[in-house]
Amino acid sequence: MLMKDSELKVVIELMKNSHRSDRELARAIGVSQPTLSRTRKRLEEQGMIKEYTIIPDYSQLGFEIMSITFTKMKGPLSKEILDDMKKGARNNMNEHPSALILGNIGMGYDADYVAIAFHRDYGEYTEFMRDIREFPSVNIDETKSFIINLLEKNQFQPLSFSQVARTLEKAKES
């Protein structure tokens, strides 16, 4: 489904700063506040806008590490195994809470699955990796992680969705 130009403008402005009121957003886009409110409600109902959140300074919340973990399976992942993985992951996160922000199948880096998570320290990361490797009913061949030190002050590009919004704006212009 392709988005209307006005809908894309709303998403772009919300990605830049979702803290603004509908009146402020309407002014930035050049539409009336009721039009903006209707568009936002429609985008929420359609699932285009999934949630509103902030991007905090994770190190100030006590997280020292962000990990991007790639997992290669020994065989294909059937629908039953995927469903079991989802159910097991939810149960596991209830028993061993972790700040998992993304878990998905994919391809590349010689892997079938990727997980992105925040960890308070290396010990918590190690426990997270143990939980992945010991996941029941999943035949894991190998796991690899890229670990990001969140205490590093010289970040190349901190986590932000503003750049995604700017990329969408440039694509719309061309």
N, C-alpha and C. Protein backbone atom coordinates (compact mmCIF):
# COMPACT_ATOMS: atom_id res chain seq x y z
N MET A 1 0.83 -1.17 0.00
CA MET A 1 0.00 0.00 0.00
C MET A 1 0.89 1.25 0.00
N LEU A 2 0.69 2.10 -0.96
CA LEU A 2 1.46 3.34 -1.03
C LEU A 2 0.80 4.41 -0.17
N MET A 3 1.63 5.17 0.48
CA MET A 3 1.12 6.26 1.32
C MET A 3 0.87 7.49 0.47
N LYS A 4 -0.13 8.23 0.87
CA LYS A 4 -0.36 9.54 0.25
C LYS A 4 0.76 10.47 0.69
N ASP A 5 1.00 11.49 -0.12
CA ASP A 5 2.04 12.47 0.20
C ASP A 5 1.81 13.10 1.57
N SER A 6 0.56 13.43 1.88
CA SER A 6 0.25 14.06 3.17
C SER A 6 0.51 13.11 4.34
N GLU A 7 0.25 11.82 4.13
CA GLU A 7 0.51 10.83 5.17
C GLU A 7 2.00 10.68 5.41
N LEU A 8 2.76 10.65 4.32
CA LEU A 8 4.21 10.54 4.45
C LEU A 8 4.78 11.74 5.19
N LYS A 9 4.26 12.93 4.92
CA LYS A 9 4.71 14.13 5.62
C LYS A 9 4.47 14.00 7.12
N VAL A 10 3.32 13.45 7.50
CA VAL A 10 3.00 13.27 8.92
C VAL A 10 4.01 12.32 9.55
N VAL A 11 4.26 11.20 8.91
CA VAL A 11 5.21 10.21 9.45
C VAL A 11 6.60 10.83 9.57
N ILE A 12 7.04 11.55 8.56
CA ILE A 12 8.36 12.18 8.59
C ILE A 12 8.46 13.15 9.76
N GLU A 13 7.47 14.00 9.92
CA GLU A 13 7.51 14.97 11.02
C GLU A 13 7.47 14.30 12.38
N LEU A 14 6.69 13.22 12.51
CA LEU A 14 6.65 12.49 13.78
C LEU A 14 7.97 11.81 14.07
N MET A 15 8.65 11.30 13.04
CA MET A 15 9.95 10.67 13.24
C MET A 15 10.99 11.70 13.69
N LYS A 16 10.85 12.91 13.23
CA LYS A 16 11.76 13.98 13.65
C LYS A 16 11.53 14.34 15.12
N ASN A 17 10.24 14.39 15.52
CA ASN A 17 9.92 14.78 16.88
C ASN A 17 8.45 14.46 17.15
N SER A 18 8.17 13.34 17.78
CA SER A 18 6.79 12.95 18.05
C SER A 18 6.22 13.64 19.29
N HIS A 19 7.00 14.47 19.91
CA HIS A 19 6.58 15.17 21.13
C HIS A 19 5.69 16.38 20.82
N ARG A 20 5.70 16.82 19.57
CA ARG A 20 4.93 18.02 19.20
C ARG A 20 3.42 17.76 19.20
N SER A 21 2.68 18.81 19.46
CA SER A 21 1.21 18.72 19.43
C SER A 21 0.73 18.62 17.98
N ASP A 22 -0.51 18.20 17.82
CA ASP A 22 -1.10 18.15 16.48
C ASP A 22 -1.12 19.54 15.84
N ARG A 23 -1.34 20.57 16.63
CA ARG A 23 -1.33 21.94 16.11
C ARG A 23 0.06 22.29 15.54
N GLU A 24 1.12 21.96 16.29
CA GLU A 24 2.48 22.24 15.82
C GLU A 24 2.81 21.43 14.56
N LEU A 25 2.41 20.16 14.57
CA LEU A 25 2.67 19.30 13.40
C LEU A 25 1.91 19.81 12.18
N ALA A 26 0.67 20.20 12.37
CA ALA A 26 -0.14 20.71 11.26
C ALA A 26 0.52 21.95 10.66
N ARG A 27 1.02 22.82 11.50
CA ARG A 27 1.69 24.04 11.02
C ARG A 27 2.95 23.67 10.22
N ALA A 28 3.72 22.70 10.71
CA ALA A 28 4.95 22.29 10.02
C ALA A 28 4.65 21.68 8.65
N ILE A 29 3.52 20.99 8.54
CA ILE A 29 3.16 20.31 7.29
C ILE A 29 2.36 21.21 6.35
N GLY A 30 1.67 22.18 6.93
CA GLY A 30 0.87 23.09 6.11
C GLY A 30 -0.55 22.63 5.91
N VAL A 31 -1.12 21.95 6.93
CA VAL A 31 -2.52 21.53 6.88
C VAL A 31 -3.21 22.01 8.16
N SER A 32 -4.53 21.87 8.21
CA SER A 32 -5.25 22.26 9.41
C SER A 32 -5.03 21.22 10.51
N GLN A 33 -5.23 21.63 11.75
CA GLN A 33 -5.07 20.71 12.88
C GLN A 33 -6.07 19.55 12.81
N PRO A 34 -7.36 19.78 12.45
CA PRO A 34 -8.27 18.64 12.33
C PRO A 34 -7.84 17.65 11.24
N THR A 35 -7.32 18.16 10.12
CA THR A 35 -6.84 17.28 9.05
C THR A 35 -5.68 16.43 9.55
N LEU A 36 -4.75 17.08 10.26
CA LEU A 36 -3.61 16.35 10.82
C LEU A 36 -4.08 15.28 11.80
N SER A 37 -4.99 15.62 12.68
CA SER A 37 -5.49 14.67 13.68
C SER A 37 -6.16 13.47 13.02
N ARG A 38 -6.97 13.72 11.98
CA ARG A 38 -7.62 12.61 11.25
C ARG A 38 -6.57 11.72 10.57
N THR A 39 -5.58 12.35 9.95
CA THR A 39 -4.54 11.59 9.26
C THR A 39 -3.76 10.74 10.24
N ARG A 40 -3.38 11.32 11.37
CA ARG A 40 -2.63 10.58 12.40
C ARG A 40 -3.46 9.39 12.88
N LYS A 41 -4.74 9.61 13.17
CA LYS A 41 -5.62 8.53 13.66
C LYS A 41 -5.71 7.41 12.62
N ARG A 42 -5.86 7.77 11.35
CA ARG A 42 -5.95 6.77 10.28
C ARG A 42 -4.64 5.97 10.19
N LEU A 43 -3.50 6.64 10.29
CA LEU A 43 -2.20 5.95 10.23
C LEU A 43 -2.02 5.00 11.41
N GLU A 44 -2.52 5.41 12.57
CA GLU A 44 -2.46 4.53 13.74
C GLU A 44 -3.35 3.30 13.54
N GLU A 45 -4.56 3.51 13.05
CA GLU A 45 -5.50 2.41 12.83
C GLU A 45 -5.00 1.44 11.77
N GLN A 46 -4.31 1.95 10.75
CA GLN A 46 -3.77 1.10 9.68
C GLN A 46 -2.49 0.38 10.11
N GLY A 47 -1.95 0.74 11.27
CA GLY A 47 -0.72 0.10 11.75
C GLY A 47 0.54 0.73 11.19
N MET A 48 0.43 1.84 10.46
CA MET A 48 1.62 2.52 9.95
C MET A 48 2.40 3.14 11.11
N ILE A 49 1.68 3.71 12.07
CA ILE A 49 2.31 4.22 13.29
C ILE A 49 2.05 3.18 14.36
N LYS A 50 3.11 2.52 14.80
CA LYS A 50 2.98 1.42 15.76
C LYS A 50 3.06 1.89 17.20
N GLU A 51 3.90 2.89 17.48
CA GLU A 51 4.02 3.40 18.84
C GLU A 51 4.73 4.74 18.83
N TYR A 52 4.58 5.45 19.92
CA TYR A 52 5.29 6.71 20.13
C TYR A 52 6.27 6.46 21.26
N THR A 53 7.49 6.88 21.07
CA THR A 53 8.50 6.62 22.08
C THR A 53 9.56 7.71 22.06
N ILE A 54 10.52 7.58 22.94
CA ILE A 54 11.66 8.48 22.98
C ILE A 54 12.92 7.66 22.74
N ILE A 55 13.99 8.32 22.45
CA ILE A 55 15.29 7.66 22.38
C ILE A 55 16.14 8.28 23.48
N PRO A 56 16.26 7.57 24.59
CA PRO A 56 17.03 8.12 25.71
C PRO A 56 18.53 7.90 25.53
N ASP A 57 19.29 8.45 26.41
CA ASP A 57 20.71 8.14 26.51
C ASP A 57 20.78 6.84 27.30
N TYR A 58 20.99 5.72 26.61
CA TYR A 58 20.93 4.41 27.24
C TYR A 58 21.97 4.23 28.33
N SER A 59 23.14 4.85 28.17
CA SER A 59 24.17 4.71 29.20
C SER A 59 23.71 5.36 30.50
N GLN A 60 22.94 6.44 30.42
CA GLN A 60 22.44 7.08 31.64
C GLN A 60 21.34 6.26 32.31
N LEU A 61 20.78 5.30 31.58
CA LEU A 61 19.80 4.38 32.15
C LEU A 61 20.47 3.14 32.74
N GLY A 62 21.79 3.07 32.63
CA GLY A 62 22.53 1.95 33.20
C GLY A 62 22.93 0.87 32.21
N PHE A 63 22.70 1.08 30.92
CA PHE A 63 23.12 0.10 29.93
C PHE A 63 24.51 0.46 29.42
N GLU A 64 25.41 -0.50 29.47
CA GLU A 64 26.78 -0.28 28.99
C GLU A 64 27.01 -0.85 27.59
N ILE A 65 26.18 -1.82 27.20
CA ILE A 65 26.42 -2.56 25.96
C ILE A 65 25.15 -2.64 25.13
N MET A 66 25.31 -2.49 23.82
CA MET A 66 24.26 -2.86 22.87
C MET A 66 24.87 -3.96 22.02
N SER A 67 24.14 -5.05 21.85
CA SER A 67 24.66 -6.15 21.03
C SER A 67 23.77 -6.36 19.82
N ILE A 68 24.44 -6.67 18.71
CA ILE A 68 23.76 -7.10 17.50
C ILE A 68 24.24 -8.53 17.29
N THR A 69 23.35 -9.49 17.48
CA THR A 69 23.74 -10.90 17.47
C THR A 69 23.13 -11.59 16.26
N PHE A 70 23.99 -12.27 15.53
CA PHE A 70 23.57 -13.02 14.34
C PHE A 70 23.61 -14.50 14.67
N THR A 71 22.55 -15.20 14.31
CA THR A 71 22.46 -16.63 14.59
C THR A 71 22.23 -17.39 13.29
N LYS A 72 23.04 -18.42 13.11
CA LYS A 72 22.89 -19.30 11.94
C LYS A 72 22.29 -20.61 12.43
N MET A 73 21.24 -21.06 11.76
CA MET A 73 20.57 -22.31 12.12
C MET A 73 21.18 -23.46 11.32
N LYS A 74 21.03 -24.69 11.84
CA LYS A 74 21.56 -25.86 11.14
C LYS A 74 20.63 -26.35 10.05
N GLY A 75 19.45 -25.81 9.98
CA GLY A 75 18.50 -26.23 8.96
C GLY A 75 17.45 -25.17 8.77
N PRO A 76 16.52 -25.42 7.85
CA PRO A 76 15.47 -24.43 7.60
C PRO A 76 14.57 -24.25 8.82
N LEU A 77 14.00 -23.09 8.92
CA LEU A 77 13.09 -22.78 10.03
C LEU A 77 11.65 -22.95 9.55
N SER A 78 11.02 -24.00 10.01
CA SER A 78 9.62 -24.23 9.64
C SER A 78 8.74 -23.24 10.39
N LYS A 79 7.49 -23.13 9.94
CA LYS A 79 6.53 -22.25 10.62
C LYS A 79 6.37 -22.68 12.06
N GLU A 80 6.35 -23.97 12.32
CA GLU A 80 6.18 -24.48 13.68
C GLU A 80 7.36 -24.08 14.55
N ILE A 81 8.58 -24.18 14.01
CA ILE A 81 9.77 -23.80 14.78
C ILE A 81 9.75 -22.30 15.05
N LEU A 82 9.38 -21.49 14.03
CA LEU A 82 9.31 -20.04 14.22
C LEU A 82 8.28 -19.68 15.28
N ASP A 83 7.11 -20.33 15.23
CA ASP A 83 6.08 -20.07 16.24
C ASP A 83 6.58 -20.47 17.63
N ASP A 84 7.29 -21.60 17.71
CA ASP A 84 7.86 -22.05 18.97
C ASP A 84 8.92 -21.07 19.48
N MET A 85 9.72 -20.54 18.55
CA MET A 85 10.75 -19.55 18.93
C MET A 85 10.09 -18.30 19.52
N LYS A 86 9.03 -17.80 18.87
CA LYS A 86 8.34 -16.61 19.36
C LYS A 86 7.78 -16.84 20.75
N LYS A 87 7.11 -17.97 20.92
CA LYS A 87 6.51 -18.29 22.22
C LYS A 87 7.61 -18.45 23.27
N GLY A 88 8.64 -19.18 22.93
CA GLY A 88 9.74 -19.40 23.87
C GLY A 88 10.46 -18.11 24.22
N ALA A 89 10.63 -17.23 23.24
CA ALA A 89 11.31 -15.95 23.49
C ALA A 89 10.50 -15.11 24.47
N ARG A 90 9.19 -15.08 24.29
CA ARG A 90 8.34 -14.32 25.23
C ARG A 90 8.44 -14.90 26.64
N ASN A 91 8.38 -16.23 26.76
CA ASN A 91 8.50 -16.87 28.07
C ASN A 91 9.87 -16.61 28.68
N ASN A 92 10.91 -16.72 27.85
CA ASN A 92 12.28 -16.52 28.33
C ASN A 92 12.48 -15.09 28.82
N MET A 93 11.89 -14.11 28.10
CA MET A 93 12.06 -12.71 28.51
C MET A 93 11.32 -12.44 29.81
N ASN A 94 10.26 -13.20 30.10
CA ASN A 94 9.58 -13.05 31.38
C ASN A 94 10.45 -13.57 32.52
N GLU A 95 11.17 -14.68 32.26
CA GLU A 95 12.04 -15.27 33.29
C GLU A 95 13.36 -14.52 33.42
N HIS A 96 13.95 -14.12 32.30
CA HIS A 96 15.22 -13.41 32.27
C HIS A 96 15.05 -12.13 31.47
N PRO A 97 14.50 -11.09 32.10
CA PRO A 97 14.24 -9.86 31.34
C PRO A 97 15.52 -9.32 30.68
N SER A 98 15.37 -8.94 29.44
CA SER A 98 16.45 -8.27 28.73
C SER A 98 15.82 -7.18 27.88
N ALA A 99 16.61 -6.24 27.50
CA ALA A 99 16.11 -5.13 26.70
C ALA A 99 16.28 -5.48 25.22
N LEU A 100 15.60 -6.52 24.78
CA LEU A 100 15.62 -6.93 23.38
C LEU A 100 14.74 -5.96 22.60
N ILE A 101 15.31 -5.26 21.63
CA ILE A 101 14.52 -4.30 20.86
C ILE A 101 14.17 -4.80 19.47
N LEU A 102 14.86 -5.83 18.99
CA LEU A 102 14.55 -6.39 17.69
C LEU A 102 14.97 -7.84 17.66
N GLY A 103 14.10 -8.69 17.19
CA GLY A 103 14.42 -10.09 16.95
C GLY A 103 13.70 -10.49 15.68
N ASN A 104 14.46 -10.90 14.66
CA ASN A 104 13.81 -11.16 13.38
C ASN A 104 14.64 -12.12 12.53
N ILE A 105 13.93 -12.83 11.64
CA ILE A 105 14.64 -13.62 10.65
C ILE A 105 15.15 -12.68 9.57
N GLY A 106 16.17 -13.11 8.86
CA GLY A 106 16.72 -12.27 7.81
C GLY A 106 17.79 -13.05 7.05
N MET A 107 18.63 -12.33 6.35
CA MET A 107 19.70 -12.98 5.61
C MET A 107 20.91 -12.05 5.57
N GLY A 108 22.06 -12.64 5.43
CA GLY A 108 23.31 -11.90 5.38
C GLY A 108 24.18 -12.26 6.57
N TYR A 109 25.45 -11.93 6.46
CA TYR A 109 26.43 -12.21 7.51
C TYR A 109 26.41 -13.69 7.87
N ASP A 110 26.07 -14.54 6.88
CA ASP A 110 25.99 -15.99 7.04
C ASP A 110 25.10 -16.36 8.24
N ALA A 111 23.95 -15.70 8.33
CA ALA A 111 23.04 -15.91 9.46
C ALA A 111 21.59 -15.93 8.98
N ASP A 112 20.74 -16.48 9.84
CA ASP A 112 19.30 -16.57 9.55
C ASP A 112 18.47 -15.68 10.45
N TYR A 113 19.04 -15.21 11.53
CA TYR A 113 18.29 -14.51 12.57
C TYR A 113 19.17 -13.42 13.17
N VAL A 114 18.56 -12.30 13.54
CA VAL A 114 19.30 -11.23 14.18
C VAL A 114 18.53 -10.78 15.43
N ALA A 115 19.29 -10.43 16.46
CA ALA A 115 18.70 -9.88 17.69
C ALA A 115 19.51 -8.65 18.08
N ILE A 116 18.82 -7.59 18.43
CA ILE A 116 19.47 -6.37 18.91
C ILE A 116 18.96 -6.15 20.33
N ALA A 117 19.90 -5.99 21.27
CA ALA A 117 19.51 -5.86 22.68
C ALA A 117 20.46 -4.94 23.42
N PHE A 118 19.96 -4.38 24.50
CA PHE A 118 20.76 -3.57 25.41
C PHE A 118 21.04 -4.39 26.66
N HIS A 119 22.24 -4.22 27.24
CA HIS A 119 22.65 -4.98 28.42
C HIS A 119 23.31 -4.04 29.42
N ARG A 120 23.07 -4.29 30.69
CA ARG A 120 23.64 -3.45 31.74
C ARG A 120 25.15 -3.62 31.85
N ASP A 121 25.63 -4.84 31.57
CA ASP A 121 27.06 -5.09 31.63
C ASP A 121 27.37 -6.37 30.84
N TYR A 122 28.65 -6.74 30.82
CA TYR A 122 29.06 -7.90 30.04
C TYR A 122 28.46 -9.19 30.60
N GLY A 123 28.29 -9.27 31.90
CA GLY A 123 27.68 -10.45 32.51
C GLY A 123 26.24 -10.66 32.04
N GLU A 124 25.48 -9.58 31.96
CA GLU A 124 24.11 -9.68 31.46
C GLU A 124 24.10 -10.09 29.99
N TYR A 125 25.06 -9.55 29.22
CA TYR A 125 25.18 -9.95 27.81
C TYR A 125 25.48 -11.45 27.71
N THR A 126 26.39 -11.94 28.54
CA THR A 126 26.76 -13.36 28.54
C THR A 126 25.56 -14.23 28.84
N GLU A 127 24.73 -13.82 29.80
CA GLU A 127 23.52 -14.57 30.13
C GLU A 127 22.54 -14.56 28.95
N PHE A 128 22.42 -13.43 28.28
CA PHE A 128 21.56 -13.30 27.10
C PHE A 128 22.03 -14.28 26.01
N MET A 129 23.34 -14.34 25.78
CA MET A 129 23.89 -15.25 24.77
C MET A 129 23.66 -16.70 25.16
N ARG A 130 23.81 -17.03 26.44
CA ARG A 130 23.56 -18.40 26.89
C ARG A 130 22.10 -18.78 26.62
N ASP A 131 21.19 -17.85 26.90
CA ASP A 131 19.77 -18.12 26.66
C ASP A 131 19.51 -18.37 25.17
N ILE A 132 20.17 -17.63 24.30
CA ILE A 132 20.01 -17.85 22.86
C ILE A 132 20.53 -19.22 22.47
N ARG A 133 21.74 -19.55 22.91
CA ARG A 133 22.37 -20.82 22.51
C ARG A 133 21.66 -22.03 23.08
N GLU A 134 21.02 -21.89 24.22
CA GLU A 134 20.35 -23.02 24.87
C GLU A 134 18.85 -23.03 24.60
N PHE A 135 18.43 -22.25 23.62
CA PHE A 135 17.00 -22.14 23.33
C PHE A 135 16.45 -23.50 22.93
N PRO A 136 15.41 -23.99 23.62
CA PRO A 136 14.89 -25.33 23.32
C PRO A 136 14.29 -25.43 21.91
N SER A 137 14.41 -26.58 21.34
CA SER A 137 13.84 -26.97 20.04
C SER A 137 14.41 -26.22 18.84
N VAL A 138 15.45 -25.43 19.04
CA VAL A 138 16.06 -24.71 17.93
C VAL A 138 17.48 -25.23 17.74
N ASN A 139 17.77 -25.64 16.52
CA ASN A 139 19.05 -26.25 16.22
C ASN A 139 20.02 -25.17 15.71
N ILE A 140 20.73 -24.54 16.63
CA ILE A 140 21.62 -23.43 16.30
C ILE A 140 22.99 -23.96 15.90
N ASP A 141 23.49 -23.46 14.79
CA ASP A 141 24.82 -23.82 14.31
C ASP A 141 25.88 -22.88 14.91
N GLU A 142 25.59 -21.58 14.87
CA GLU A 142 26.61 -20.61 15.29
C GLU A 142 25.97 -19.27 15.64
N THR A 143 26.58 -18.57 16.59
CA THR A 143 26.16 -17.20 16.90
C THR A 143 27.38 -16.30 16.87
N LYS A 144 27.17 -15.07 16.39
CA LYS A 144 28.22 -14.06 16.35
C LYS A 144 27.60 -12.75 16.82
N SER A 145 28.36 -11.97 17.56
CA SER A 145 27.84 -10.69 18.03
C SER A 145 28.79 -9.55 17.70
N PHE A 146 28.19 -8.43 17.46
CA PHE A 146 28.91 -7.16 17.37
C PHE A 146 28.48 -6.40 18.61
N ILE A 147 29.44 -6.04 19.45
CA ILE A 147 29.13 -5.40 20.73
C ILE A 147 29.51 -3.92 20.65
N ILE A 148 28.58 -3.08 21.06
CA ILE A 148 28.78 -1.63 21.02
C ILE A 148 28.89 -1.12 22.45
N ASN A 149 29.97 -0.41 22.73
CA ASN A 149 30.18 0.20 24.04
C ASN A 149 29.38 1.49 24.11
N LEU A 150 28.31 1.49 24.89
CA LEU A 150 27.45 2.67 24.98
C LEU A 150 28.06 3.79 25.83
N LEU A 151 29.15 3.48 26.51
CA LEU A 151 29.83 4.50 27.31
C LEU A 151 30.81 5.31 26.47
N GLU A 152 31.06 4.86 25.23
CA GLU A 152 31.96 5.57 24.32
C GLU A 152 31.37 6.93 24.00
N LYS A 153 32.14 7.97 24.23
CA LYS A 153 31.64 9.34 24.03
C LYS A 153 31.77 9.82 22.59
N ASN A 154 32.63 9.22 21.81
CA ASN A 154 32.86 9.66 20.42
C ASN A 154 32.10 8.78 19.43
N GLN A 155 30.77 8.79 19.54
CA GLN A 155 29.95 7.98 18.64
C GLN A 155 29.91 8.63 17.26
N PHE A 156 29.99 7.80 16.24
CA PHE A 156 29.91 8.27 14.87
C PHE A 156 28.52 8.82 14.58
N GLN A 157 27.49 8.04 14.90
CA GLN A 157 26.09 8.46 14.71
C GLN A 157 25.26 7.78 15.80
N PRO A 158 24.83 8.51 16.80
CA PRO A 158 23.99 7.91 17.84
C PRO A 158 22.67 7.40 17.26
N LEU A 159 22.06 6.46 17.93
CA LEU A 159 20.78 5.90 17.51
C LEU A 159 19.73 7.00 17.42
N SER A 160 19.14 7.15 16.24
CA SER A 160 18.14 8.19 16.02
C SER A 160 17.33 7.84 14.77
N PHE A 161 16.08 8.28 14.74
CA PHE A 161 15.25 8.07 13.56
C PHE A 161 15.13 9.34 12.73
N SER A 162 15.73 10.42 13.20
CA SER A 162 15.69 11.68 12.45
C SER A 162 16.33 11.54 11.08
N GLN A 163 17.41 10.76 10.99
CA GLN A 163 18.08 10.58 9.70
C GLN A 163 17.19 9.80 8.73
N VAL A 164 16.41 8.86 9.24
CA VAL A 164 15.46 8.13 8.39
C VAL A 164 14.44 9.12 7.83
N ALA A 165 13.98 10.04 8.67
CA ALA A 165 13.02 11.05 8.21
C ALA A 165 13.64 11.93 7.13
N ARG A 166 14.89 12.34 7.32
CA ARG A 166 15.56 13.17 6.30
C ARG A 166 15.74 12.39 5.00
N THR A 167 16.05 11.10 5.08
CA THR A 167 16.19 10.27 3.89
C THR A 167 14.86 10.16 3.14
N LEU A 168 13.75 10.00 3.89
CA LEU A 168 12.43 9.94 3.26
C LEU A 168 12.10 11.27 2.59
N GLU A 169 12.46 12.39 3.22
CA GLU A 169 12.20 13.70 2.63
C GLU A 169 12.96 13.86 1.31
N LYS A 170 14.23 13.46 1.31
CA LYS A 170 15.03 13.59 0.09
C LYS A 170 14.49 12.70 -1.03
N ALA A 171 14.06 11.48 -0.67
CA ALA A 171 13.48 10.57 -1.67
C ALA A 171 12.19 11.14 -2.25
N LYS A 172 11.40 11.78 -1.42
CA LYS A 172 10.14 12.38 -1.84
C LYS A 172 10.40 13.54 -2.80
N GLU A 173 11.48 14.29 -2.55
CA GLU A 173 11.82 15.44 -3.38
C GLU A 173 12.27 15.04 -4.79
N SER A 174 12.91 13.88 -4.87
CA SER A 174 13.45 13.47 -6.18
C SER A 174 12.51 12.63 -6.99
